Amino acid sequence: MENIQNLPKHQQQQLEQHLVNSQVKDSLTMYMNLVETCFGTCVDNFRNKTLDKYETKCLENCSERFIKTANRTGLRFQEHQALQMKRAQDMANGSRGAGM
């Protein structure tokens, strides 16, 4: 991330906008997956205009589990990325020390 500061201002802004757009797209994708998964699991009839108590409770539980799972997966991914970066840095530092 240090290299970002070396970019011209307009390229930094373009990169930041790209990252924001990617985050919005990822959020919308997760939301659409949640809706598709939970609605498909919990709603099986269309006899009424409103959801019944079972469907409402099912949707609440499903969406809560979905969000918790997504958050947990995101945290594990961040931990994995940090570990990979540390390993790469350790290897780079080890190869520098070997060359001296």
N, C-alpha and C. Protein backbone atom coordinates (compact mmCIF):
# COMPACT_ATOMS: atom_id res chain seq x y z
N MET A 1 0.80 -1.19 0.00
CA MET A 1 0.00 0.00 0.00
C MET A 1 0.85 1.27 0.00
N GLU A 2 2.12 1.14 0.33
CA GLU A 2 3.00 2.30 0.32
C GLU A 2 3.13 2.86 -1.09
N ASN A 3 3.07 1.99 -2.10
CA ASN A 3 3.23 2.40 -3.48
C ASN A 3 2.09 3.29 -3.97
N ILE A 4 0.93 3.19 -3.33
CA ILE A 4 -0.22 4.02 -3.72
C ILE A 4 0.11 5.49 -3.55
N GLN A 5 0.82 5.81 -2.50
CA GLN A 5 1.17 7.21 -2.24
C GLN A 5 2.11 7.76 -3.30
N ASN A 6 2.80 6.89 -4.02
CA ASN A 6 3.71 7.31 -5.07
C ASN A 6 2.99 7.60 -6.39
N LEU A 7 1.73 7.20 -6.48
CA LEU A 7 0.95 7.44 -7.71
C LEU A 7 0.55 8.91 -7.80
N PRO A 8 0.36 9.40 -9.02
CA PRO A 8 -0.19 10.76 -9.18
C PRO A 8 -1.58 10.84 -8.54
N LYS A 9 -1.96 12.03 -8.14
CA LYS A 9 -3.22 12.25 -7.42
C LYS A 9 -4.43 11.69 -8.17
N HIS A 10 -4.50 11.94 -9.48
CA HIS A 10 -5.67 11.47 -10.23
C HIS A 10 -5.74 9.94 -10.27
N GLN A 11 -4.60 9.26 -10.30
CA GLN A 11 -4.60 7.79 -10.29
C GLN A 11 -4.98 7.26 -8.91
N GLN A 12 -4.56 7.96 -7.86
CA GLN A 12 -4.97 7.58 -6.51
C GLN A 12 -6.49 7.66 -6.38
N GLN A 13 -7.07 8.74 -6.93
CA GLN A 13 -8.52 8.91 -6.86
C GLN A 13 -9.24 7.84 -7.67
N GLN A 14 -8.69 7.50 -8.84
CA GLN A 14 -9.29 6.44 -9.66
C GLN A 14 -9.25 5.10 -8.93
N LEU A 15 -8.12 4.81 -8.29
CA LEU A 15 -7.98 3.56 -7.55
C LEU A 15 -8.95 3.52 -6.37
N GLU A 16 -9.05 4.62 -5.64
CA GLU A 16 -9.97 4.68 -4.52
C GLU A 16 -11.41 4.49 -4.99
N GLN A 17 -11.78 5.11 -6.11
CA GLN A 17 -13.13 4.96 -6.63
C GLN A 17 -13.38 3.51 -7.07
N HIS A 18 -12.38 2.89 -7.67
CA HIS A 18 -12.50 1.49 -8.07
C HIS A 18 -12.72 0.60 -6.85
N LEU A 19 -11.99 0.86 -5.77
CA LEU A 19 -12.15 0.07 -4.55
C LEU A 19 -13.54 0.25 -3.95
N VAL A 20 -14.04 1.49 -3.95
CA VAL A 20 -15.39 1.76 -3.45
C VAL A 20 -16.42 1.02 -4.30
N ASN A 21 -16.27 1.10 -5.61
CA ASN A 21 -17.19 0.41 -6.52
C ASN A 21 -17.16 -1.10 -6.29
N SER A 22 -15.97 -1.64 -6.07
CA SER A 22 -15.85 -3.08 -5.81
C SER A 22 -16.54 -3.47 -4.51
N GLN A 23 -16.40 -2.63 -3.49
CA GLN A 23 -17.04 -2.92 -2.21
C GLN A 23 -18.56 -2.87 -2.34
N VAL A 24 -19.06 -1.89 -3.08
CA VAL A 24 -20.51 -1.79 -3.29
C VAL A 24 -21.01 -3.01 -4.05
N LYS A 25 -20.28 -3.39 -5.09
CA LYS A 25 -20.68 -4.56 -5.88
C LYS A 25 -20.68 -5.82 -5.03
N ASP A 26 -19.64 -5.99 -4.21
CA ASP A 26 -19.57 -7.16 -3.32
C ASP A 26 -20.71 -7.17 -2.31
N SER A 27 -21.05 -6.00 -1.77
CA SER A 27 -22.15 -5.91 -0.81
C SER A 27 -23.47 -6.27 -1.47
N LEU A 28 -23.69 -5.75 -2.67
CA LEU A 28 -24.93 -6.06 -3.39
C LEU A 28 -25.01 -7.54 -3.75
N THR A 29 -23.89 -8.11 -4.14
CA THR A 29 -23.86 -9.53 -4.46
C THR A 29 -24.19 -10.37 -3.23
N MET A 30 -23.60 -10.01 -2.09
CA MET A 30 -23.90 -10.74 -0.86
C MET A 30 -25.38 -10.60 -0.51
N TYR A 31 -25.92 -9.40 -0.64
CA TYR A 31 -27.33 -9.18 -0.33
C TYR A 31 -28.23 -10.01 -1.25
N MET A 32 -27.92 -10.02 -2.53
CA MET A 32 -28.72 -10.79 -3.48
C MET A 32 -28.64 -12.29 -3.17
N ASN A 33 -27.46 -12.76 -2.80
CA ASN A 33 -27.30 -14.17 -2.43
C ASN A 33 -28.11 -14.49 -1.17
N LEU A 34 -28.09 -13.57 -0.21
CA LEU A 34 -28.87 -13.75 1.01
C LEU A 34 -30.34 -13.86 0.68
N VAL A 35 -30.84 -12.93 -0.12
CA VAL A 35 -32.26 -12.93 -0.48
C VAL A 35 -32.62 -14.22 -1.21
N GLU A 36 -31.83 -14.58 -2.17
CA GLU A 36 -32.12 -15.79 -2.96
C GLU A 36 -32.11 -17.04 -2.09
N THR A 37 -31.09 -17.16 -1.24
CA THR A 37 -30.95 -18.33 -0.39
C THR A 37 -32.08 -18.41 0.64
N CYS A 38 -32.27 -17.33 1.37
CA CYS A 38 -33.25 -17.35 2.46
C CYS A 38 -34.69 -17.38 1.95
N PHE A 39 -34.98 -16.62 0.93
CA PHE A 39 -36.33 -16.63 0.39
C PHE A 39 -36.66 -18.01 -0.17
N GLY A 40 -35.72 -18.58 -0.90
CA GLY A 40 -35.95 -19.91 -1.46
C GLY A 40 -36.11 -20.98 -0.41
N THR A 41 -35.44 -20.82 0.73
CA THR A 41 -35.53 -21.79 1.80
C THR A 41 -36.80 -21.62 2.64
N CYS A 42 -37.18 -20.38 2.88
CA CYS A 42 -38.23 -20.11 3.87
C CYS A 42 -39.63 -19.86 3.30
N VAL A 43 -39.72 -19.41 2.08
CA VAL A 43 -41.03 -19.06 1.52
C VAL A 43 -41.38 -20.09 0.46
N ASP A 44 -42.46 -20.82 0.71
CA ASP A 44 -42.81 -21.87 -0.25
C ASP A 44 -44.24 -21.75 -0.79
N ASN A 45 -44.96 -20.72 -0.35
CA ASN A 45 -46.29 -20.53 -0.93
C ASN A 45 -46.59 -19.04 -1.06
N PHE A 46 -47.48 -18.75 -1.92
CA PHE A 46 -47.84 -17.36 -2.19
C PHE A 46 -49.35 -17.16 -2.06
N ARG A 47 -49.93 -17.83 -1.08
CA ARG A 47 -51.38 -17.72 -0.87
C ARG A 47 -51.77 -16.40 -0.22
N ASN A 48 -50.88 -15.81 0.54
CA ASN A 48 -51.16 -14.55 1.24
C ASN A 48 -50.26 -13.44 0.74
N LYS A 49 -50.69 -12.22 0.97
CA LYS A 49 -49.87 -11.06 0.60
C LYS A 49 -48.73 -10.84 1.59
N THR A 50 -48.90 -11.36 2.80
CA THR A 50 -47.88 -11.17 3.84
C THR A 50 -47.28 -12.52 4.22
N LEU A 51 -46.15 -12.46 4.87
CA LEU A 51 -45.48 -13.67 5.35
C LEU A 51 -46.16 -14.15 6.63
N ASP A 52 -46.23 -15.45 6.81
CA ASP A 52 -46.77 -15.94 8.08
C ASP A 52 -45.66 -15.95 9.13
N LYS A 53 -46.01 -16.31 10.35
CA LYS A 53 -45.04 -16.27 11.47
C LYS A 53 -43.85 -17.20 11.22
N TYR A 54 -44.12 -18.38 10.70
CA TYR A 54 -43.04 -19.34 10.43
C TYR A 54 -42.07 -18.76 9.39
N GLU A 55 -42.60 -18.21 8.30
CA GLU A 55 -41.75 -17.66 7.25
C GLU A 55 -40.93 -16.48 7.77
N THR A 56 -41.57 -15.62 8.56
CA THR A 56 -40.85 -14.46 9.12
C THR A 56 -39.71 -14.91 10.01
N LYS A 57 -39.98 -15.85 10.91
CA LYS A 57 -38.95 -16.35 11.83
C LYS A 57 -37.85 -17.07 11.05
N CYS A 58 -38.23 -17.84 10.07
CA CYS A 58 -37.25 -18.55 9.24
C CYS A 58 -36.34 -17.56 8.52
N LEU A 59 -36.93 -16.52 7.94
CA LEU A 59 -36.14 -15.51 7.23
C LEU A 59 -35.20 -14.78 8.18
N GLU A 60 -35.67 -14.45 9.37
CA GLU A 60 -34.81 -13.79 10.36
C GLU A 60 -33.62 -14.66 10.72
N ASN A 61 -33.90 -15.94 11.03
CA ASN A 61 -32.82 -16.87 11.40
C ASN A 61 -31.85 -17.10 10.24
N CYS A 62 -32.41 -17.30 9.06
CA CYS A 62 -31.57 -17.56 7.89
C CYS A 62 -30.66 -16.38 7.59
N SER A 63 -31.22 -15.19 7.59
CA SER A 63 -30.42 -14.01 7.26
C SER A 63 -29.37 -13.74 8.34
N GLU A 64 -29.72 -13.98 9.61
CA GLU A 64 -28.75 -13.82 10.68
C GLU A 64 -27.58 -14.78 10.51
N ARG A 65 -27.90 -16.06 10.23
CA ARG A 65 -26.84 -17.05 10.01
C ARG A 65 -26.01 -16.70 8.78
N PHE A 66 -26.67 -16.26 7.72
CA PHE A 66 -25.96 -15.91 6.48
C PHE A 66 -24.96 -14.78 6.74
N ILE A 67 -25.41 -13.74 7.44
CA ILE A 67 -24.55 -12.59 7.71
C ILE A 67 -23.40 -12.98 8.64
N LYS A 68 -23.70 -13.76 9.69
CA LYS A 68 -22.64 -14.21 10.59
C LYS A 68 -21.60 -15.04 9.84
N THR A 69 -22.08 -15.91 8.97
CA THR A 69 -21.16 -16.74 8.18
C THR A 69 -20.32 -15.88 7.25
N ALA A 70 -20.93 -14.92 6.60
CA ALA A 70 -20.19 -14.03 5.70
C ALA A 70 -19.14 -13.23 6.47
N ASN A 71 -19.51 -12.72 7.64
CA ASN A 71 -18.55 -11.97 8.46
C ASN A 71 -17.41 -12.85 8.93
N ARG A 72 -17.75 -14.04 9.37
CA ARG A 72 -16.71 -14.96 9.85
C ARG A 72 -15.77 -15.35 8.71
N THR A 73 -16.34 -15.61 7.55
CA THR A 73 -15.52 -15.95 6.38
C THR A 73 -14.60 -14.79 6.02
N GLY A 74 -15.12 -13.57 6.07
CA GLY A 74 -14.31 -12.40 5.78
C GLY A 74 -13.15 -12.25 6.76
N LEU A 75 -13.43 -12.47 8.04
CA LEU A 75 -12.37 -12.38 9.05
C LEU A 75 -11.30 -13.44 8.83
N ARG A 76 -11.73 -14.66 8.52
CA ARG A 76 -10.76 -15.74 8.27
C ARG A 76 -9.92 -15.44 7.03
N PHE A 77 -10.56 -14.87 6.02
CA PHE A 77 -9.82 -14.50 4.81
C PHE A 77 -8.78 -13.44 5.14
N GLN A 78 -9.15 -12.44 5.94
CA GLN A 78 -8.20 -11.40 6.33
C GLN A 78 -7.03 -11.99 7.11
N GLU A 79 -7.33 -12.91 8.03
CA GLU A 79 -6.27 -13.57 8.79
C GLU A 79 -5.34 -14.35 7.86
N HIS A 80 -5.93 -15.05 6.91
CA HIS A 80 -5.13 -15.83 5.96
C HIS A 80 -4.25 -14.90 5.12
N GLN A 81 -4.82 -13.80 4.64
CA GLN A 81 -4.04 -12.84 3.83
C GLN A 81 -2.90 -12.26 4.65
N ALA A 82 -3.16 -11.91 5.91
CA ALA A 82 -2.12 -11.35 6.76
C ALA A 82 -1.00 -12.36 6.98
N LEU A 83 -1.37 -13.62 7.18
CA LEU A 83 -0.37 -14.67 7.35
C LEU A 83 0.46 -14.85 6.08
N GLN A 84 -0.20 -14.84 4.92
CA GLN A 84 0.52 -14.98 3.65
C GLN A 84 1.49 -13.82 3.43
N MET A 85 1.03 -12.60 3.77
CA MET A 85 1.90 -11.42 3.61
C MET A 85 3.10 -11.51 4.55
N LYS A 86 2.87 -11.98 5.79
CA LYS A 86 3.96 -12.12 6.75
C LYS A 86 4.96 -13.15 6.26
N ARG A 87 4.46 -14.27 5.75
CA ARG A 87 5.37 -15.30 5.22
C ARG A 87 6.19 -14.77 4.05
N ALA A 88 5.54 -14.04 3.15
CA ALA A 88 6.26 -13.47 2.01
C ALA A 88 7.31 -12.47 2.48
N GLN A 89 6.94 -11.67 3.47
CA GLN A 89 7.89 -10.68 4.00
C GLN A 89 9.05 -11.38 4.69
N ASP A 90 8.75 -12.43 5.46
CA ASP A 90 9.81 -13.19 6.13
C ASP A 90 10.75 -13.83 5.11
N MET A 91 10.18 -14.35 4.03
CA MET A 91 11.01 -14.96 3.00
C MET A 91 11.88 -13.90 2.32
N ALA A 92 11.31 -12.73 2.07
CA ALA A 92 12.06 -11.65 1.43
C ALA A 92 13.19 -11.17 2.37
N ASN A 93 12.89 -11.05 3.63
CA ASN A 93 13.91 -10.64 4.60
C ASN A 93 14.98 -11.71 4.74
N GLY A 94 14.59 -12.98 4.68
CA GLY A 94 15.54 -14.07 4.77
C GLY A 94 16.46 -14.12 3.56
N SER A 95 15.93 -13.83 2.39
CA SER A 95 16.76 -13.85 1.18
C SER A 95 17.70 -12.65 1.16
N ARG A 96 17.28 -11.53 1.75
CA ARG A 96 18.18 -10.37 1.83
C ARG A 96 19.33 -10.65 2.78
N GLY A 97 19.00 -11.31 3.90
CA GLY A 97 20.04 -11.64 4.88
C GLY A 97 21.03 -12.65 4.34
N ALA A 98 20.57 -13.55 3.48
CA ALA A 98 21.45 -14.57 2.91
C ALA A 98 22.40 -13.98 1.89
N GLY A 99 22.00 -12.86 1.27
CA GLY A 99 22.83 -12.25 0.25
C GLY A 99 23.94 -11.38 0.81
N MET A 100 23.91 -11.13 2.09
CA MET A 100 24.92 -10.23 2.70
C MET A 100 26.11 -10.96 3.12
